[in-house]
Amino acid sequence: MIDEICFSAALLEGAKEVFETMIFMDLEEPSEPDEQIEGDSFLGSITFTNSIEGCLAIRCSVPCAKNIAANMLGIDTPEEVNEEEVCDALGEVTNMVMGSVKSRIQTETGELLVSIPTVIHGQNLASSLGNRMSKVFVKVDAGDEEIIEFSFLYREGDK
């Protein structure tokens, strides 16, 4: 079975690919690794199953989510983006990152069956799938002092 280091690399590489090509944002190592997302945030998640099962999640602050949506939609002013547009954009980003990660790990995991993404908005958001889960967590700096958290939770599936 694939190890956490491979998942971590696939998650980071997949996220960078999507953000650089589709959102026109460069992701870098965080300048302050202990920095936390405070206040309201958005969490996009998508589940998968087969030889492994789990969830990929992307969490970011409201201003960061608005920047992501504005870049995707070609809107000059992020403040003009409404919550529905933010949710749609973050859901699509979550789906694209999952696709990019899936293509990187498919040789080791086999085909993964992927759900549709879900996006929620609130405070103190986190993804969890219960017992026996392994978790890979990657935090990046998205510019303008914004951080994005990517997590990949998984366990062996029933197949």
C-alpha atoms as a PDB file:
ATOM      1  CA  MET A   1       0.000   0.000   0.000  1.00  0.00           C
ATOM      2  CA  ILE A   2       1.106   3.527  -0.728  1.00  0.00           C
ATOM      3  CA  ASP A   3       2.576   5.468   2.199  1.00  0.00           C
ATOM      4  CA  GLU A   4       1.797   8.891   3.646  1.00  0.00           C
ATOM      5  CA  ILE A   5       4.889  10.487   2.103  1.00  0.00           C
ATOM      6  CA  CYS A   6       3.669   9.592  -1.395  1.00  0.00           C
ATOM      7  CA  PHE A   7       0.191  10.939  -0.586  1.00  0.00           C
ATOM      8  CA  SER A   8       1.719  14.139   0.752  1.00  0.00           C
ATOM      9  CA  ALA A   9       3.757  14.693  -2.410  1.00  0.00           C
ATOM     10  CA  ALA A  10       0.774  13.846  -4.649  1.00  0.00           C
ATOM     11  CA  LEU A  11      -1.463  16.219  -2.690  1.00  0.00           C
ATOM     12  CA  LEU A  12       0.996  19.115  -2.856  1.00  0.00           C
ATOM     13  CA  GLU A  13       1.897  18.570  -6.523  1.00  0.00           C
ATOM     14  CA  GLY A  14      -1.753  18.139  -7.514  1.00  0.00           C
ATOM     15  CA  ALA A  15      -2.829  21.269  -5.666  1.00  0.00           C
ATOM     16  CA  LYS A  16       0.000  23.335  -7.152  1.00  0.00           C
ATOM     17  CA  GLU A  17      -0.861  22.168 -10.661  1.00  0.00           C
ATOM     18  CA  VAL A  18      -4.532  23.125 -10.322  1.00  0.00           C
ATOM     19  CA  PHE A  19      -3.912  26.438  -8.600  1.00  0.00           C
ATOM     20  CA  GLU A  20      -1.212  27.543 -11.044  1.00  0.00           C
ATOM     21  CA  THR A  21      -3.038  26.557 -14.238  1.00  0.00           C
ATOM     22  CA  MET A  22      -6.701  27.158 -13.391  1.00  0.00           C
ATOM     23  CA  ILE A  23      -6.691  29.809 -10.660  1.00  0.00           C
ATOM     24  CA  PHE A  24      -3.471  31.647 -11.525  1.00  0.00           C
ATOM     25  CA  MET A  25      -2.215  31.459  -7.932  1.00  0.00           C
ATOM     26  CA  ASP A  26       1.205  30.208  -6.875  1.00  0.00           C
ATOM     27  CA  LEU A  27       1.293  28.048  -3.766  1.00  0.00           C
ATOM     28  CA  GLU A  28       4.411  28.239  -1.606  1.00  0.00           C
ATOM     29  CA  GLU A  29       5.664  26.793   1.645  1.00  0.00           C
ATOM     30  CA  PRO A  30       4.107  28.852   4.461  1.00  0.00           C
ATOM     31  CA  SER A  31       6.343  31.557   5.893  1.00  0.00           C
ATOM     32  CA  GLU A  32       4.746  30.935   9.295  1.00  0.00           C
ATOM     33  CA  PRO A  33       3.913  27.200   9.488  1.00  0.00           C
ATOM     34  CA  ASP A  34       2.030  27.589  12.778  1.00  0.00           C
ATOM     35  CA  GLU A  35      -0.351  30.224  11.373  1.00  0.00           C
ATOM     36  CA  GLN A  36      -3.985  29.174  11.660  1.00  0.00           C
ATOM     37  CA  ILE A  37      -7.106  30.061   9.693  1.00  0.00           C
ATOM     38  CA  GLU A  38      -9.205  32.141  12.052  1.00  0.00           C
ATOM     39  CA  GLY A  39     -12.848  33.187  11.886  1.00  0.00           C
ATOM     40  CA  ASP A  40     -15.199  32.120   9.123  1.00  0.00           C
ATOM     41  CA  SER A  41     -13.833  29.763   6.501  1.00  0.00           C
ATOM     42  CA  PHE A  42     -14.924  27.556   3.630  1.00  0.00           C
ATOM     43  CA  LEU A  43     -14.300  23.810   3.490  1.00  0.00           C
ATOM     44  CA  GLY A  44     -14.589  21.914   0.227  1.00  0.00           C
ATOM     45  CA  SER A  45     -14.540  18.130   0.478  1.00  0.00           C
ATOM     46  CA  ILE A  46     -14.881  15.149  -1.809  1.00  0.00           C
ATOM     47  CA  THR A  47     -14.978  11.460  -0.886  1.00  0.00           C
ATOM     48  CA  PHE A  48     -13.552   8.448  -2.681  1.00  0.00           C
ATOM     49  CA  THR A  49     -13.734   4.684  -2.338  1.00  0.00           C
ATOM     50  CA  ASN A  50     -12.362   1.393  -3.650  1.00  0.00           C
ATOM     51  CA  SER A  51      -9.023  -0.119  -2.511  1.00  0.00           C
ATOM     52  CA  ILE A  52      -8.734   2.916  -0.246  1.00  0.00           C
ATOM     53  CA  GLU A  53     -11.564   5.110   0.971  1.00  0.00           C
ATOM     54  CA  GLY A  54     -11.539   8.563   2.420  1.00  0.00           C
ATOM     55  CA  CYS A  55     -11.865  12.260   1.812  1.00  0.00           C
ATOM     56  CA  LEU A  56      -9.865  15.111   0.317  1.00  0.00           C
ATOM     57  CA  ALA A  57     -10.579  18.525   1.861  1.00  0.00           C
ATOM     58  CA  ILE A  58      -9.549  22.100   1.110  1.00  0.00           C
ATOM     59  CA  ARG A  59     -10.023  24.782   3.777  1.00  0.00           C
ATOM     60  CA  CYS A  60      -9.401  28.507   3.463  1.00  0.00           C
ATOM     61  CA  SER A  61     -10.550  31.836   4.885  1.00  0.00           C
ATOM     62  CA  VAL A  62     -13.453  33.746   3.355  1.00  0.00           C
ATOM     63  CA  PRO A  63     -11.189  36.371   1.707  1.00  0.00           C
ATOM     64  CA  CYS A  64      -8.980  33.635   0.260  1.00  0.00           C
ATOM     65  CA  ALA A  65     -12.023  31.727  -1.044  1.00  0.00           C
ATOM     66  CA  LYS A  66     -13.300  34.928  -2.678  1.00  0.00           C
ATOM     67  CA  ASN A  67      -9.906  35.430  -4.345  1.00  0.00           C
ATOM     68  CA  ILE A  68     -10.010  31.864  -5.665  1.00  0.00           C
ATOM     69  CA  ALA A  69     -13.531  32.359  -7.045  1.00  0.00           C
ATOM     70  CA  ALA A  70     -12.702  35.756  -8.561  1.00  0.00           C
ATOM     71  CA  ASN A  71      -9.629  34.337 -10.312  1.00  0.00           C
ATOM     72  CA  MET A  72     -11.605  31.390 -11.675  1.00  0.00           C
ATOM     73  CA  LEU A  73     -14.478  33.580 -12.854  1.00  0.00           C
ATOM     74  CA  GLY A  74     -12.317  36.384 -14.244  1.00  0.00           C
ATOM     75  CA  ILE A  75     -13.742  38.962 -11.846  1.00  0.00           C
ATOM     76  CA  ASP A  76     -11.403  41.845 -10.982  1.00  0.00           C
ATOM     77  CA  THR A  77     -12.780  42.586  -7.518  1.00  0.00           C
ATOM     78  CA  PRO A  78     -13.109  39.598  -5.125  1.00  0.00           C
ATOM     79  CA  GLU A  79     -15.601  41.552  -3.001  1.00  0.00           C
ATOM     80  CA  GLU A  80     -18.087  41.286  -5.908  1.00  0.00           C
ATOM     81  CA  VAL A  81     -18.166  37.489  -5.621  1.00  0.00           C
ATOM     82  CA  ASN A  82     -21.211  36.168  -3.755  1.00  0.00           C
ATOM     83  CA  GLU A  83     -21.339  33.105  -1.498  1.00  0.00           C
ATOM     84  CA  GLU A  84     -22.981  30.897  -4.140  1.00  0.00           C
ATOM     85  CA  GLU A  85     -20.179  31.683  -6.602  1.00  0.00           C
ATOM     86  CA  VAL A  86     -17.577  30.982  -3.912  1.00  0.00           C
ATOM     87  CA  CYS A  87     -19.169  27.609  -3.124  1.00  0.00           C
ATOM     88  CA  ASP A  88     -19.369  26.670  -6.817  1.00  0.00           C
ATOM     89  CA  ALA A  89     -15.747  27.670  -7.435  1.00  0.00           C
ATOM     90  CA  LEU A  90     -14.386  25.928  -4.337  1.00  0.00           C
ATOM     91  CA  GLY A  91     -16.362  22.793  -5.185  1.00  0.00           C
ATOM     92  CA  GLU A  92     -14.861  22.773  -8.663  1.00  0.00           C
ATOM     93  CA  VAL A  93     -11.348  23.360  -7.266  1.00  0.00           C
ATOM     94  CA  THR A  94     -11.832  20.475  -4.829  1.00  0.00           C
ATOM     95  CA  ASN A  95     -12.925  18.251  -7.714  1.00  0.00           C
ATOM     96  CA  MET A  96      -9.951  19.280  -9.879  1.00  0.00           C
ATOM     97  CA  VAL A  97      -7.425  18.758  -7.062  1.00  0.00           C
ATOM     98  CA  MET A  98      -8.919  15.316  -6.372  1.00  0.00           C
ATOM     99  CA  GLY A  99      -8.613  14.464 -10.064  1.00  0.00           C
ATOM    100  CA  SER A 100      -5.000  15.598 -10.104  1.00  0.00           C
ATOM    101  CA  VAL A 101      -4.165  13.620  -6.958  1.00  0.00           C
ATOM    102  CA  LYS A 102      -6.042  10.577  -8.260  1.00  0.00           C
ATOM    103  CA  SER A 103      -3.981  10.541 -11.461  1.00  0.00           C
ATOM    104  CA  ARG A 104      -0.775  10.652  -9.401  1.00  0.00           C
ATOM    105  CA  ILE A 105      -1.654   7.762  -7.056  1.00  0.00           C
ATOM    106  CA  GLN A 106      -3.723   5.543  -9.347  1.00  0.00           C
ATOM    107  CA  THR A 107      -0.824   3.192 -10.114  1.00  0.00           C
ATOM    108  CA  GLU A 108      -0.553   2.325  -6.414  1.00  0.00           C
ATOM    109  CA  THR A 109      -4.240   2.471  -5.441  1.00  0.00           C
ATOM    110  CA  GLY A 110      -6.024   1.333  -8.578  1.00  0.00           C
ATOM    111  CA  GLU A 111      -9.147   3.111  -9.784  1.00  0.00           C
ATOM    112  CA  LEU A 112     -10.846   5.332  -7.196  1.00  0.00           C
ATOM    113  CA  LEU A 113     -14.557   6.059  -7.335  1.00  0.00           C
ATOM    114  CA  VAL A 114     -15.115   9.726  -6.522  1.00  0.00           C
ATOM    115  CA  SER A 115     -18.222  11.528  -5.231  1.00  0.00           C
ATOM    116  CA  ILE A 116     -19.366  15.020  -6.091  1.00  0.00           C
ATOM    117  CA  PRO A 117     -17.806  17.781  -3.964  1.00  0.00           C
ATOM    118  CA  THR A 118     -19.503  19.454  -1.021  1.00  0.00           C
ATOM    119  CA  VAL A 119     -18.715  22.946   0.276  1.00  0.00           C
ATOM    120  CA  ILE A 120     -19.659  24.361   3.672  1.00  0.00           C
ATOM    121  CA  HIS A 121     -19.107  27.757   5.283  1.00  0.00           C
ATOM    122  CA  GLY A 122     -18.645  28.331   9.017  1.00  0.00           C
ATOM    123  CA  GLN A 123     -16.176  28.483  11.901  1.00  0.00           C
ATOM    124  CA  ASN A 124     -13.798  25.843  13.263  1.00  0.00           C
ATOM    125  CA  LEU A 125     -14.356  23.576  10.263  1.00  0.00           C
ATOM    126  CA  ALA A 126     -12.498  20.274  10.038  1.00  0.00           C
ATOM    127  CA  SER A 127     -12.835  17.030   8.127  1.00  0.00           C
ATOM    128  CA  SER A 128     -13.092  13.721   9.939  1.00  0.00           C
ATOM    129  CA  LEU A 129     -14.090  10.218   8.919  1.00  0.00           C
ATOM    130  CA  GLY A 130     -13.931   8.271  12.156  1.00  0.00           C
ATOM    131  CA  ASN A 131     -11.597   5.556  13.354  1.00  0.00           C
ATOM    132  CA  ARG A 132      -8.681   3.886  11.595  1.00  0.00           C
ATOM    133  CA  MET A 133      -8.039   6.896   9.361  1.00  0.00           C
ATOM    134  CA  SER A 134      -4.619   8.105   8.328  1.00  0.00           C
ATOM    135  CA  LYS A 135      -4.350  11.816   7.609  1.00  0.00           C
ATOM    136  CA  VAL A 136      -1.998  13.740   5.384  1.00  0.00           C
ATOM    137  CA  PHE A 137      -2.053  17.492   5.998  1.00  0.00           C
ATOM    138  CA  VAL A 138      -0.416  20.125   3.791  1.00  0.00           C
ATOM    139  CA  LYS A 139      -0.533  23.854   4.512  1.00  0.00           C
ATOM    140  CA  VAL A 140       0.482  26.394   1.859  1.00  0.00           C
ATOM    141  CA  ASP A 141       0.800  30.135   1.470  1.00  0.00           C
ATOM    142  CA  ALA A 142      -1.381  31.487  -1.341  1.00  0.00           C
ATOM    143  CA  GLY A 143      -0.014  35.046  -1.260  1.00  0.00           C
ATOM    144  CA  ASP A 144      -1.394  38.136   0.461  1.00  0.00           C
ATOM    145  CA  GLU A 145      -0.836  36.407   3.807  1.00  0.00           C
ATOM    146  CA  GLU A 146      -3.497  33.804   2.970  1.00  0.00           C
ATOM    147  CA  ILE A 147      -3.059  30.153   3.866  1.00  0.00           C
ATOM    148  CA  ILE A 148      -4.834  27.148   2.438  1.00  0.00           C
ATOM    149  CA  GLU A 149      -5.028  23.783   4.191  1.00  0.00           C
ATOM    150  CA  PHE A 150      -5.251  20.567   2.185  1.00  0.00           C
ATOM    151  CA  SER A 151      -6.011  17.292   3.921  1.00  0.00           C
ATOM    152  CA  PHE A 152      -6.235  13.741   2.630  1.00  0.00           C
ATOM    153  CA  LEU A 153      -7.854  11.252   5.006  1.00  0.00           C
ATOM    154  CA  TYR A 154      -7.837   7.581   4.042  1.00  0.00           C
ATOM    155  CA  ARG A 155      -7.973   3.964   5.154  1.00  0.00           C
ATOM    156  CA  GLU A 156      -7.997   0.670   3.348  1.00  0.00           C
ATOM    157  CA  GLY A 157     -11.296   0.065   1.624  1.00  0.00           C
ATOM    158  CA  ASP A 158     -13.470  -3.030   1.499  1.00  0.00           C
ATOM    159  CA  LYS A 159     -12.302  -4.080  -1.966  1.00  0.00           C
END
